[in-house]
Amino acid sequence: HGNPMMEQWIYKDPKGTVQGPFNTSQMLGWYQAKFFPLDLPVAPANVPDAMFQPLSFWLAKWGAQLKPSPVQPTVMGGPQVG
């Protein structure tokens, strides 16, 4: 399956023009640099007729932090997720 950071994405700019493709690490870098709003419409570049989803949807899938926050220590003995 390869590296998810190398997957290709397209997005719609505020004028509705489709931009891309760009890889995941580029998209994350621009988000972290505050270039992208969380509601930016993003779709996978290599999927025909893919639905545009808000950037926040993809950030969750990429495992990105939506808001920079300190790492919470894991509570031992708590319920295991997954």
PDB file of N, CA and C in Angstrom:
ATOM      1  N   HIS A   1       0.814  -1.216   0.000  1.00  0.00           N
ATOM      2  CA  HIS A   1       0.000   0.000   0.000  1.00  0.00           C
ATOM      3  C   HIS A   1       0.848   1.266   0.000  1.00  0.00           C
ATOM      4  N   GLY A   2       2.113   1.165   0.323  1.00  0.00           N
ATOM      5  CA  GLY A   2       2.935   2.364   0.255  1.00  0.00           C
ATOM      6  C   GLY A   2       2.691   3.328   1.406  1.00  0.00           C
ATOM      7  N   ASN A   3       3.320   4.456   1.321  1.00  0.00           N
ATOM      8  CA  ASN A   3       3.315   5.441   2.399  1.00  0.00           C
ATOM      9  C   ASN A   3       2.102   6.348   2.272  1.00  0.00           C
ATOM     10  N   PRO A   4       1.239   6.434   3.311  1.00  0.00           N
ATOM     11  CA  PRO A   4       0.074   7.331   3.208  1.00  0.00           C
ATOM     12  C   PRO A   4       0.471   8.787   3.025  1.00  0.00           C
ATOM     13  N   MET A   5       1.687   9.158   3.465  1.00  0.00           N
ATOM     14  CA  MET A   5       2.138  10.536   3.282  1.00  0.00           C
ATOM     15  C   MET A   5       2.391  10.865   1.819  1.00  0.00           C
ATOM     16  N   MET A   6       2.481   9.826   0.962  1.00  0.00           N
ATOM     17  CA  MET A   6       2.723  10.054  -0.456  1.00  0.00           C
ATOM     18  C   MET A   6       1.453   9.988  -1.285  1.00  0.00           C
ATOM     19  N   GLU A   7       0.296   9.756  -0.650  1.00  0.00           N
ATOM     20  CA  GLU A   7      -0.962   9.773  -1.391  1.00  0.00           C
ATOM     21  C   GLU A   7      -1.189  11.167  -1.974  1.00  0.00           C
ATOM     22  N   GLN A   8      -1.920  11.224  -3.079  1.00  0.00           N
ATOM     23  CA  GLN A   8      -2.126  12.476  -3.792  1.00  0.00           C
ATOM     24  C   GLN A   8      -3.540  13.004  -3.561  1.00  0.00           C
ATOM     25  N   TRP A   9      -3.639  14.314  -3.400  1.00  0.00           N
ATOM     26  CA  TRP A   9      -4.913  14.968  -3.063  1.00  0.00           C
ATOM     27  C   TRP A   9      -5.135  16.187  -3.947  1.00  0.00           C
ATOM     28  N   ILE A  10      -6.409  16.492  -4.175  1.00  0.00           N
ATOM     29  CA  ILE A  10      -6.790  17.737  -4.836  1.00  0.00           C
ATOM     30  C   ILE A  10      -7.691  18.515  -3.873  1.00  0.00           C
ATOM     31  N   TYR A  11      -7.743  19.818  -4.059  1.00  0.00           N
ATOM     32  CA  TYR A  11      -8.642  20.631  -3.235  1.00  0.00           C
ATOM     33  C   TYR A  11      -9.230  21.748  -4.070  1.00  0.00           C
ATOM     34  N   LYS A  12     -10.331  22.312  -3.579  1.00  0.00           N
ATOM     35  CA  LYS A  12     -10.982  23.445  -4.237  1.00  0.00           C
ATOM     36  C   LYS A  12     -10.615  24.718  -3.495  1.00  0.00           C
ATOM     37  N   ASP A  13     -10.061  25.676  -4.225  1.00  0.00           N
ATOM     38  CA  ASP A  13      -9.721  26.953  -3.600  1.00  0.00           C
ATOM     39  C   ASP A  13     -11.002  27.781  -3.403  1.00  0.00           C
ATOM     40  N   PRO A  14     -10.902  28.950  -2.743  1.00  0.00           N
ATOM     41  CA  PRO A  14     -12.120  29.731  -2.459  1.00  0.00           C
ATOM     42  C   PRO A  14     -12.913  30.122  -3.711  1.00  0.00           C
ATOM     43  N   LYS A  15     -12.263  30.145  -4.897  1.00  0.00           N
ATOM     44  CA  LYS A  15     -12.983  30.477  -6.127  1.00  0.00           C
ATOM     45  C   LYS A  15     -13.640  29.245  -6.744  1.00  0.00           C
ATOM     46  N   GLY A  16     -13.428  28.051  -6.130  1.00  0.00           N
ATOM     47  CA  GLY A  16     -14.007  26.830  -6.667  1.00  0.00           C
ATOM     48  C   GLY A  16     -13.141  26.155  -7.707  1.00  0.00           C
ATOM     49  N   THR A  17     -11.897  26.644  -7.886  1.00  0.00           N
ATOM     50  CA  THR A  17     -10.969  26.036  -8.835  1.00  0.00           C
ATOM     51  C   THR A  17     -10.276  24.852  -8.173  1.00  0.00           C
ATOM     52  N   VAL A  18     -10.235  23.721  -8.880  1.00  0.00           N
ATOM     53  CA  VAL A  18      -9.569  22.540  -8.324  1.00  0.00           C
ATOM     54  C   VAL A  18      -8.055  22.689  -8.483  1.00  0.00           C
ATOM     55  N   GLN A  19      -7.329  22.504  -7.387  1.00  0.00           N
ATOM     56  CA  GLN A  19      -5.871  22.603  -7.346  1.00  0.00           C
ATOM     57  C   GLN A  19      -5.281  21.240  -7.019  1.00  0.00           C
ATOM     58  N   GLY A  20      -4.107  20.960  -7.541  1.00  0.00           N
ATOM     59  CA  GLY A  20      -3.427  19.720  -7.191  1.00  0.00           C
ATOM     60  C   GLY A  20      -3.055  18.933  -8.436  1.00  0.00           C
ATOM     61  N   PRO A  21      -2.595  17.697  -8.245  1.00  0.00           N
ATOM     62  CA  PRO A  21      -2.542  16.993  -6.951  1.00  0.00           C
ATOM     63  C   PRO A  21      -1.315  17.343  -6.121  1.00  0.00           C
ATOM     64  N   PHE A  22      -1.463  17.174  -4.829  1.00  0.00           N
ATOM     65  CA  PHE A  22      -0.392  17.383  -3.865  1.00  0.00           C
ATOM     66  C   PHE A  22      -0.359  16.179  -2.930  1.00  0.00           C
ATOM     67  N   ASN A  23       0.820  15.851  -2.383  1.00  0.00           N
ATOM     68  CA  ASN A  23       0.864  14.703  -1.486  1.00  0.00           C
ATOM     69  C   ASN A  23       0.458  15.095  -0.071  1.00  0.00           C
ATOM     70  N   THR A  24       0.243  14.071   0.762  1.00  0.00           N
ATOM     71  CA  THR A  24      -0.288  14.293   2.107  1.00  0.00           C
ATOM     72  C   THR A  24       0.624  15.204   2.920  1.00  0.00           C
ATOM     73  N   SER A  25       1.943  14.987   2.819  1.00  0.00           N
ATOM     74  CA  SER A  25       2.834  15.792   3.647  1.00  0.00           C
ATOM     75  C   SER A  25       2.787  17.268   3.243  1.00  0.00           C
ATOM     76  N   GLN A  26       2.606  17.551   1.934  1.00  0.00           N
ATOM     77  CA  GLN A  26       2.437  18.945   1.507  1.00  0.00           C
ATOM     78  C   GLN A  26       1.161  19.531   2.095  1.00  0.00           C
ATOM     79  N   MET A  27       0.070  18.766   2.002  1.00  0.00           N
ATOM     80  CA  MET A  27      -1.213  19.250   2.512  1.00  0.00           C
ATOM     81  C   MET A  27      -1.123  19.541   4.009  1.00  0.00           C
ATOM     82  N   LEU A  28      -0.492  18.611   4.754  1.00  0.00           N
ATOM     83  CA  LEU A  28      -0.336  18.804   6.193  1.00  0.00           C
ATOM     84  C   LEU A  28       0.520  20.027   6.486  1.00  0.00           C
ATOM     85  N   GLY A  29       1.589  20.218   5.695  1.00  0.00           N
ATOM     86  CA  GLY A  29       2.460  21.367   5.917  1.00  0.00           C
ATOM     87  C   GLY A  29       1.704  22.674   5.727  1.00  0.00           C
ATOM     88  N   TRP A  30       0.875  22.738   4.688  1.00  0.00           N
ATOM     89  CA  TRP A  30       0.107  23.962   4.438  1.00  0.00           C
ATOM     90  C   TRP A  30      -0.946  24.187   5.513  1.00  0.00           C
ATOM     91  N   TYR A  31      -1.562  23.089   5.983  1.00  0.00           N
ATOM     92  CA  TYR A  31      -2.520  23.229   7.079  1.00  0.00           C
ATOM     93  C   TYR A  31      -1.819  23.773   8.322  1.00  0.00           C
ATOM     94  N   GLN A  32      -0.650  23.194   8.647  1.00  0.00           N
ATOM     95  CA  GLN A  32       0.063  23.617   9.849  1.00  0.00           C
ATOM     96  C   GLN A  32       0.564  25.046   9.728  1.00  0.00           C
ATOM     97  N   ALA A  33       0.807  25.497   8.496  1.00  0.00           N
ATOM     98  CA  ALA A  33       1.225  26.878   8.259  1.00  0.00           C
ATOM     99  C   ALA A  33       0.029  27.834   8.192  1.00  0.00           C
ATOM    100  N   LYS A  34      -1.187  27.301   8.452  1.00  0.00           N
ATOM    101  CA  LYS A  34      -2.419  28.094   8.519  1.00  0.00           C
ATOM    102  C   LYS A  34      -2.883  28.587   7.146  1.00  0.00           C
ATOM    103  N   PHE A  35      -2.446  27.894   6.077  1.00  0.00           N
ATOM    104  CA  PHE A  35      -2.925  28.272   4.747  1.00  0.00           C
ATOM    105  C   PHE A  35      -4.319  27.724   4.469  1.00  0.00           C
ATOM    106  N   PHE A  36      -4.679  26.610   5.113  1.00  0.00           N
ATOM    107  CA  PHE A  36      -5.933  25.923   4.803  1.00  0.00           C
ATOM    108  C   PHE A  36      -6.907  26.024   5.968  1.00  0.00           C
ATOM    109  N   PRO A  37      -8.180  26.352   5.702  1.00  0.00           N
ATOM    110  CA  PRO A  37      -9.210  26.238   6.742  1.00  0.00           C
ATOM    111  C   PRO A  37      -9.627  24.773   6.906  1.00  0.00           C
ATOM    112  N   LEU A  38     -10.214  24.450   8.053  1.00  0.00           N
ATOM    113  CA  LEU A  38     -10.628  23.067   8.310  1.00  0.00           C
ATOM    114  C   LEU A  38     -11.756  22.627   7.380  1.00  0.00           C
ATOM    115  N   ASP A  39     -12.499  23.592   6.809  1.00  0.00           N
ATOM    116  CA  ASP A  39     -13.602  23.205   5.918  1.00  0.00           C
ATOM    117  C   ASP A  39     -13.194  23.214   4.441  1.00  0.00           C
ATOM    118  N   LEU A  40     -11.885  23.263   4.163  1.00  0.00           N
ATOM    119  CA  LEU A  40     -11.408  23.224   2.778  1.00  0.00           C
ATOM    120  C   LEU A  40     -11.857  21.921   2.119  1.00  0.00           C
ATOM    121  N   PRO A  41     -12.503  21.988   0.927  1.00  0.00           N
ATOM    122  CA  PRO A  41     -12.935  20.740   0.271  1.00  0.00           C
ATOM    123  C   PRO A  41     -11.736  19.996  -0.334  1.00  0.00           C
ATOM    124  N   VAL A  42     -11.517  18.765   0.114  1.00  0.00           N
ATOM    125  CA  VAL A  42     -10.378  17.957  -0.319  1.00  0.00           C
ATOM    126  C   VAL A  42     -10.886  16.605  -0.795  1.00  0.00           C
ATOM    127  N   ALA A  43     -10.270  16.067  -1.851  1.00  0.00           N
ATOM    128  CA  ALA A  43     -10.630  14.742  -2.357  1.00  0.00           C
ATOM    129  C   ALA A  43      -9.361  14.016  -2.791  1.00  0.00           C
ATOM    130  N   PRO A  44      -9.371  12.679  -2.734  1.00  0.00           N
ATOM    131  CA  PRO A  44      -8.225  11.917  -3.245  1.00  0.00           C
ATOM    132  C   PRO A  44      -8.094  12.106  -4.749  1.00  0.00           C
ATOM    133  N   ALA A  45      -6.864  12.369  -5.207  1.00  0.00           N
ATOM    134  CA  ALA A  45      -6.651  12.660  -6.624  1.00  0.00           C
ATOM    135  C   ALA A  45      -6.776  11.415  -7.490  1.00  0.00           C
ATOM    136  N   ASN A  46      -6.522  10.241  -6.917  1.00  0.00           N
ATOM    137  CA  ASN A  46      -6.459   9.026  -7.732  1.00  0.00           C
ATOM    138  C   ASN A  46      -7.750   8.219  -7.687  1.00  0.00           C
ATOM    139  N   VAL A  47      -8.830   8.795  -7.139  1.00  0.00           N
ATOM    140  CA  VAL A  47     -10.118   8.090  -7.076  1.00  0.00           C
ATOM    141  C   VAL A  47     -11.094   8.793  -8.006  1.00  0.00           C
ATOM    142  N   PRO A  48     -11.547   8.130  -9.083  1.00  0.00           N
ATOM    143  CA  PRO A  48     -12.492   8.787  -9.994  1.00  0.00           C
ATOM    144  C   PRO A  48     -13.784   9.149  -9.270  1.00  0.00           C
ATOM    145  N   ASP A  49     -14.297  10.336  -9.539  1.00  0.00           N
ATOM    146  CA  ASP A  49     -15.574  10.793  -8.962  1.00  0.00           C
ATOM    147  C   ASP A  49     -15.560  10.770  -7.429  1.00  0.00           C
ATOM    148  N   ALA A  50     -14.387  10.986  -6.839  1.00  0.00           N
ATOM    149  CA  ALA A  50     -14.316  10.979  -5.373  1.00  0.00           C
ATOM    150  C   ALA A  50     -15.087  12.173  -4.821  1.00  0.00           C
ATOM    151  N   MET A  51     -15.688  11.975  -3.663  1.00  0.00           N
ATOM    152  CA  MET A  51     -16.398  13.066  -2.990  1.00  0.00           C
ATOM    153  C   MET A  51     -15.387  13.997  -2.331  1.00  0.00           C
ATOM    154  N   PHE A  52     -15.630  15.298  -2.458  1.00  0.00           N
ATOM    155  CA  PHE A  52     -14.849  16.261  -1.690  1.00  0.00           C
ATOM    156  C   PHE A  52     -15.354  16.226  -0.246  1.00  0.00           C
ATOM    157  N   GLN A  53     -14.427  16.138   0.695  1.00  0.00           N
ATOM    158  CA  GLN A  53     -14.742  16.131   2.120  1.00  0.00           C
ATOM    159  C   GLN A  53     -13.967  17.285   2.763  1.00  0.00           C
ATOM    160  N   PRO A  54     -14.474  17.821   3.883  1.00  0.00           N
ATOM    161  CA  PRO A  54     -13.727  18.898   4.532  1.00  0.00           C
ATOM    162  C   PRO A  54     -12.352  18.412   4.988  1.00  0.00           C
ATOM    163  N   LEU A  55     -11.380  19.313   4.966  1.00  0.00           N
ATOM    164  CA  LEU A  55     -10.016  18.964   5.372  1.00  0.00           C
ATOM    165  C   LEU A  55      -9.992  18.299   6.745  1.00  0.00           C
ATOM    166  N   SER A  56     -10.864  18.731   7.655  1.00  0.00           N
ATOM    167  CA  SER A  56     -10.873  18.155   9.005  1.00  0.00           C
ATOM    168  C   SER A  56     -11.131  16.643   8.958  1.00  0.00           C
ATOM    169  N   PHE A  57     -11.963  16.195   8.001  1.00  0.00           N
ATOM    170  CA  PHE A  57     -12.251  14.760   7.831  1.00  0.00           C
ATOM    171  C   PHE A  57     -10.964  14.003   7.503  1.00  0.00           C
ATOM    172  N   TRP A  58     -10.174  14.545   6.577  1.00  0.00           N
ATOM    173  CA  TRP A  58      -8.943  13.869   6.151  1.00  0.00           C
ATOM    174  C   TRP A  58      -7.872  13.967   7.228  1.00  0.00           C
ATOM    175  N   LEU A  59      -7.806  15.102   7.922  1.00  0.00           N
ATOM    176  CA  LEU A  59      -6.807  15.236   8.986  1.00  0.00           C
ATOM    177  C   LEU A  59      -6.978  14.125  10.017  1.00  0.00           C
ATOM    178  N   ALA A  60      -8.234  13.807  10.356  1.00  0.00           N
ATOM    179  CA  ALA A  60      -8.480  12.737  11.311  1.00  0.00           C
ATOM    180  C   ALA A  60      -7.969  11.407  10.754  1.00  0.00           C
ATOM    181  N   LYS A  61      -8.211  11.157   9.466  1.00  0.00           N
ATOM    182  CA  LYS A  61      -7.748   9.906   8.858  1.00  0.00           C
ATOM    183  C   LYS A  61      -6.222   9.845   8.797  1.00  0.00           C
ATOM    184  N   TRP A  62      -5.592  10.996   8.578  1.00  0.00           N
ATOM    185  CA  TRP A  62      -4.126  11.048   8.496  1.00  0.00           C
ATOM    186  C   TRP A  62      -3.484  10.972   9.876  1.00  0.00           C
ATOM    187  N   GLY A  63      -4.299  11.024  10.929  1.00  0.00           N
ATOM    188  CA  GLY A  63      -3.748  10.984  12.271  1.00  0.00           C
ATOM    189  C   GLY A  63      -3.145  12.302  12.703  1.00  0.00           C
ATOM    190  N   ALA A  64      -3.560  13.397  12.045  1.00  0.00           N
ATOM    191  CA  ALA A  64      -3.015  14.706  12.385  1.00  0.00           C
ATOM    192  C   ALA A  64      -3.705  15.263  13.626  1.00  0.00           C
ATOM    193  N   GLN A  65      -2.977  16.083  14.348  1.00  0.00           N
ATOM    194  CA  GLN A  65      -3.569  16.817  15.463  1.00  0.00           C
ATOM    195  C   GLN A  65      -4.384  17.964  14.890  1.00  0.00           C
ATOM    196  N   LEU A  66      -5.683  18.014  15.201  1.00  0.00           N
ATOM    197  CA  LEU A  66      -6.492  19.125  14.714  1.00  0.00           C
ATOM    198  C   LEU A  66      -6.098  20.413  15.414  1.00  0.00           C
ATOM    199  N   LYS A  67      -5.783  20.315  16.705  1.00  0.00           N
ATOM    200  CA  LYS A  67      -5.283  21.476  17.435  1.00  0.00           C
ATOM    201  C   LYS A  67      -4.018  21.031  18.133  1.00  0.00           C
ATOM    202  N   PRO A  68      -2.961  21.815  18.020  1.00  0.00           N
ATOM    203  CA  PRO A  68      -1.757  21.422  18.754  1.00  0.00           C
ATOM    204  C   PRO A  68      -2.077  21.352  20.242  1.00  0.00           C
ATOM    205  N   SER A  69      -1.809  20.217  20.858  1.00  0.00           N
ATOM    206  CA  SER A  69      -2.128  20.060  22.266  1.00  0.00           C
ATOM    207  C   SER A  69      -1.080  19.157  22.890  1.00  0.00           C
ATOM    208  N   PRO A  70      -0.825  19.333  24.163  1.00  0.00           N
ATOM    209  CA  PRO A  70       0.143  18.448  24.810  1.00  0.00           C
ATOM    210  C   PRO A  70      -0.347  17.007  24.780  1.00  0.00           C
ATOM    211  N   VAL A  71       0.564  16.087  24.687  1.00  0.00           N
ATOM    212  CA  VAL A  71       0.200  14.671  24.652  1.00  0.00           C
ATOM    213  C   VAL A  71      -0.346  14.279  26.017  1.00  0.00           C
ATOM    214  N   GLN A  72      -1.524  13.681  26.001  1.00  0.00           N
ATOM    215  CA  GLN A  72      -2.133  13.242  27.256  1.00  0.00           C
ATOM    216  C   GLN A  72      -1.526  11.901  27.656  1.00  0.00           C
ATOM    217  N   PRO A  73      -1.096  11.759  28.908  1.00  0.00           N
ATOM    218  CA  PRO A  73      -0.575  10.447  29.325  1.00  0.00           C
ATOM    219  C   PRO A  73      -1.696   9.417  29.303  1.00  0.00           C
ATOM    220  N   THR A  74      -1.379   8.215  28.866  1.00  0.00           N
ATOM    221  CA  THR A  74      -2.361   7.148  28.813  1.00  0.00           C
ATOM    222  C   THR A  74      -2.639   6.655  30.225  1.00  0.00           C
ATOM    223  N   VAL A  75      -3.894   6.521  30.569  1.00  0.00           N
ATOM    224  CA  VAL A  75      -4.261   6.018  31.888  1.00  0.00           C
ATOM    225  C   VAL A  75      -4.165   4.494  31.856  1.00  0.00           C
ATOM    226  N   MET A  76      -3.286   3.945  32.660  1.00  0.00           N
ATOM    227  CA  MET A  76      -3.116   2.491  32.675  1.00  0.00           C
ATOM    228  C   MET A  76      -4.363   1.832  33.279  1.00  0.00           C
ATOM    229  N   GLY A  77      -4.763   0.697  32.685  1.00  0.00           N
ATOM    230  CA  GLY A  77      -5.901  -0.022  33.227  1.00  0.00           C
ATOM    231  C   GLY A  77      -7.240   0.473  32.693  1.00  0.00           C
ATOM    232  N   GLY A  78      -7.208   1.518  31.835  1.00  0.00           N
ATOM    233  CA  GLY A  78      -8.448   2.017  31.258  1.00  0.00           C
ATOM    234  C   GLY A  78      -8.876   1.144  30.098  1.00  0.00           C
ATOM    235  N   PRO A  79     -10.028   1.425  29.515  1.00  0.00           N
ATOM    236  CA  PRO A  79     -10.485   0.617  28.377  1.00  0.00           C
ATOM    237  C   PRO A  79      -9.543   0.786  27.193  1.00  0.00           C
ATOM    238  N   GLN A  80      -9.270  -0.282  26.518  1.00  0.00           N
ATOM    239  CA  GLN A  80      -8.396  -0.255  25.350  1.00  0.00           C
ATOM    240  C   GLN A  80      -9.243   0.040  24.104  1.00  0.00           C
ATOM    241  N   VAL A  81      -8.795   0.975  23.294  1.00  0.00           N
ATOM    242  CA  VAL A  81      -9.521   1.327  22.075  1.00  0.00           C
ATOM    243  C   VAL A  81      -8.959   0.498  20.926  1.00  0.00           C
ATOM    244  N   GLY A  82      -9.842  -0.046  20.112  1.00  0.00           N
ATOM    245  CA  GLY A  82      -9.380  -0.750  18.928  1.00  0.00           C
ATOM    246  C   GLY A  82      -9.485  -2.208  19.018  1.00  0.00           C
TER     247      GLY A  82
END
